[in-house]
Amino acid sequence: MQKHIALAKYVTSGWRGTVLKVGVLAGVLWWFVTSIDWSAVWGIFAQMDLRYIVPILLMLAVRYWTLVERFMALIKGVLPLHRMTVLLQYFVMHWTSLFLPGAIGGEGVRWALLARDGVEKADAAVYVILEKVIGLL
């Protein structure tokens, strides 16, 4: 087991890890782009009423601003995170929750991002759970 862990660390660290990650990303993007029926996509966009785009984008901006401000109020004076960092974490969390299984897939990513940004793992879990509970109220 230790040999497998050591091999995984060797493969994913440094320039090898970067090449591996970029290669996997390029492969997934290639598969995604080549499996889409682009004529159907353009047909859907052609039928859209563009008057609704601006209100939709404004609603999304207000939603993300509200999420960031709620989390900043939760961590006020406790964690030294910048608003832009929190906003980027929300973007990544919501994007990954589209394909991760279960209702908590995005929260797991959020926990990992908070831990990556210097928050203790136990504290990050508490903040993610508290934020989820506050969101239910």
Protein backbone atom coordinates (compact mmCIF):
# COMPACT_ATOMS: atom_id res chain seq x y z
CA MET A 1 0.00 0.00 0.00
CA GLN A 2 2.82 2.39 0.88
CA LYS A 3 4.43 1.75 -2.52
CA HIS A 4 1.21 2.77 -4.28
CA ILE A 5 0.95 5.95 -2.22
CA ALA A 6 4.60 6.80 -2.91
CA LEU A 7 4.08 6.17 -6.64
CA ALA A 8 0.96 8.34 -6.69
CA LYS A 9 2.81 11.18 -4.94
CA TYR A 10 5.73 10.82 -7.37
CA VAL A 11 3.47 10.89 -10.43
CA THR A 12 1.31 13.81 -9.28
CA SER A 13 4.03 16.07 -7.87
CA GLY A 14 6.04 18.72 -9.68
CA TRP A 15 6.04 18.96 -13.44
CA ARG A 16 4.77 15.40 -13.83
CA GLY A 17 1.61 16.25 -11.90
CA THR A 18 1.07 19.37 -13.97
CA VAL A 19 1.49 17.46 -17.23
CA LEU A 20 -0.83 14.70 -15.97
CA LYS A 21 -3.51 17.16 -14.87
CA VAL A 22 -3.35 19.16 -18.10
CA GLY A 23 -3.44 15.92 -20.11
CA VAL A 24 -6.50 14.61 -18.26
CA LEU A 25 -8.21 18.00 -18.56
CA ALA A 26 -7.46 18.16 -22.30
CA GLY A 27 -8.82 14.64 -22.75
CA VAL A 28 -12.04 15.38 -20.89
CA LEU A 29 -12.51 18.65 -22.79
CA TRP A 30 -11.85 16.89 -26.11
CA TRP A 31 -14.41 14.20 -25.27
CA PHE A 32 -16.93 16.84 -24.19
CA VAL A 33 -16.48 19.06 -27.25
CA THR A 34 -16.60 16.17 -29.72
CA SER A 35 -19.68 14.55 -28.17
CA ILE A 36 -21.91 17.62 -28.41
CA ASP A 37 -24.32 18.11 -31.28
CA TRP A 38 -23.33 21.72 -32.00
CA SER A 39 -26.12 22.32 -34.52
CA ALA A 40 -28.68 21.53 -31.78
CA VAL A 41 -26.88 23.86 -29.36
CA TRP A 42 -26.89 26.71 -31.87
CA GLY A 43 -30.55 26.01 -32.64
CA ILE A 44 -31.41 26.41 -28.95
CA PHE A 45 -29.46 29.66 -28.72
CA ALA A 46 -31.17 30.95 -31.85
CA GLN A 47 -34.58 30.40 -30.21
CA MET A 48 -33.65 32.23 -26.99
CA ASP A 49 -35.15 35.59 -26.24
CA LEU A 50 -32.10 37.73 -25.47
CA ARG A 51 -34.13 40.16 -23.36
CA TYR A 52 -33.92 37.65 -20.52
CA ILE A 53 -30.14 37.30 -20.51
CA VAL A 54 -29.40 40.50 -18.57
CA PRO A 55 -31.97 39.82 -15.80
CA ILE A 56 -30.69 36.25 -15.47
CA LEU A 57 -27.10 37.43 -15.18
CA LEU A 58 -28.12 40.05 -12.62
CA MET A 59 -29.94 37.44 -10.54
CA LEU A 60 -26.87 35.20 -10.63
CA ALA A 61 -24.64 38.11 -9.58
CA VAL A 62 -26.95 38.92 -6.65
CA ARG A 63 -27.06 35.25 -5.65
CA TYR A 64 -23.28 34.87 -5.58
CA TRP A 65 -22.83 38.23 -3.84
CA THR A 66 -25.32 37.10 -1.17
CA LEU A 67 -23.52 33.78 -0.71
CA VAL A 68 -20.14 35.48 -0.35
CA GLU A 69 -21.43 38.10 2.08
CA ARG A 70 -23.17 35.43 4.18
CA PHE A 71 -19.96 33.42 4.44
CA MET A 72 -17.89 36.55 5.17
CA ALA A 73 -20.30 37.38 8.02
CA LEU A 74 -19.90 33.82 9.33
CA ILE A 75 -16.10 33.99 9.40
CA LYS A 76 -15.81 37.65 10.39
CA GLY A 77 -12.69 38.15 12.49
CA VAL A 78 -11.88 34.43 12.55
CA LEU A 79 -10.50 33.55 9.12
CA PRO A 80 -8.38 35.83 6.95
CA LEU A 81 -10.02 35.06 3.61
CA HIS A 82 -10.52 37.61 0.86
CA ARG A 83 -13.92 38.00 -0.81
CA MET A 84 -12.52 37.12 -4.22
CA THR A 85 -11.11 33.86 -2.83
CA VAL A 86 -14.50 32.98 -1.40
CA LEU A 87 -16.23 33.91 -4.67
CA LEU A 88 -13.88 31.67 -6.66
CA GLN A 89 -14.49 28.85 -4.18
CA TYR A 90 -18.23 29.18 -4.77
CA PHE A 91 -17.77 29.08 -8.55
CA VAL A 92 -15.66 25.91 -8.30
CA MET A 93 -18.06 24.36 -5.77
CA HIS A 94 -21.15 24.96 -7.89
CA TRP A 95 -19.46 23.80 -11.08
CA THR A 96 -18.24 20.56 -9.52
CA SER A 97 -21.59 19.89 -7.86
CA LEU A 98 -23.03 19.51 -11.37
CA PHE A 99 -21.27 16.18 -11.86
CA LEU A 100 -20.29 14.96 -8.38
CA PRO A 101 -22.80 12.51 -6.92
CA GLY A 102 -25.13 13.43 -4.11
CA ALA A 103 -26.27 16.69 -2.66
CA ILE A 104 -23.04 17.27 -0.77
CA GLY A 105 -20.51 16.83 -3.57
CA GLY A 106 -19.97 20.57 -3.93
CA GLU A 107 -19.67 21.02 -0.18
CA GLY A 108 -16.89 18.45 -0.12
CA VAL A 109 -15.05 20.46 -2.75
CA ARG A 110 -15.68 23.64 -0.75
CA TRP A 111 -14.24 21.96 2.35
CA ALA A 112 -11.13 20.95 0.40
CA LEU A 113 -10.74 24.47 -1.03
CA LEU A 114 -11.02 26.04 2.42
CA ALA A 115 -8.42 23.59 3.72
CA ARG A 116 -6.17 24.41 0.78
CA ASP A 117 -6.48 28.13 1.55
CA GLY A 118 -5.12 27.66 5.06
CA VAL A 119 -8.18 26.83 7.15
CA GLU A 120 -7.79 23.87 9.50
CA LYS A 121 -9.69 20.87 8.13
CA ALA A 122 -11.90 20.53 11.22
CA ASP A 123 -12.70 24.27 11.13
CA ALA A 124 -13.42 24.10 7.41
CA ALA A 125 -15.87 21.24 7.98
CA VAL A 126 -17.61 23.20 10.75
CA TYR A 127 -17.92 26.30 8.55
CA VAL A 128 -19.29 24.33 5.59
CA ILE A 129 -21.85 22.57 7.83
CA LEU A 130 -22.83 25.83 9.54
CA GLU A 131 -23.24 27.54 6.21
CA LYS A 132 -25.42 24.69 4.95
CA VAL A 133 -27.61 24.91 8.06
CA ILE A 134 -27.88 28.70 7.77
CA GLY A 135 -28.84 28.27 4.11
CA LEU A 136 -31.74 26.04 5.13
CA LEU A 137 -33.21 28.69 7.41
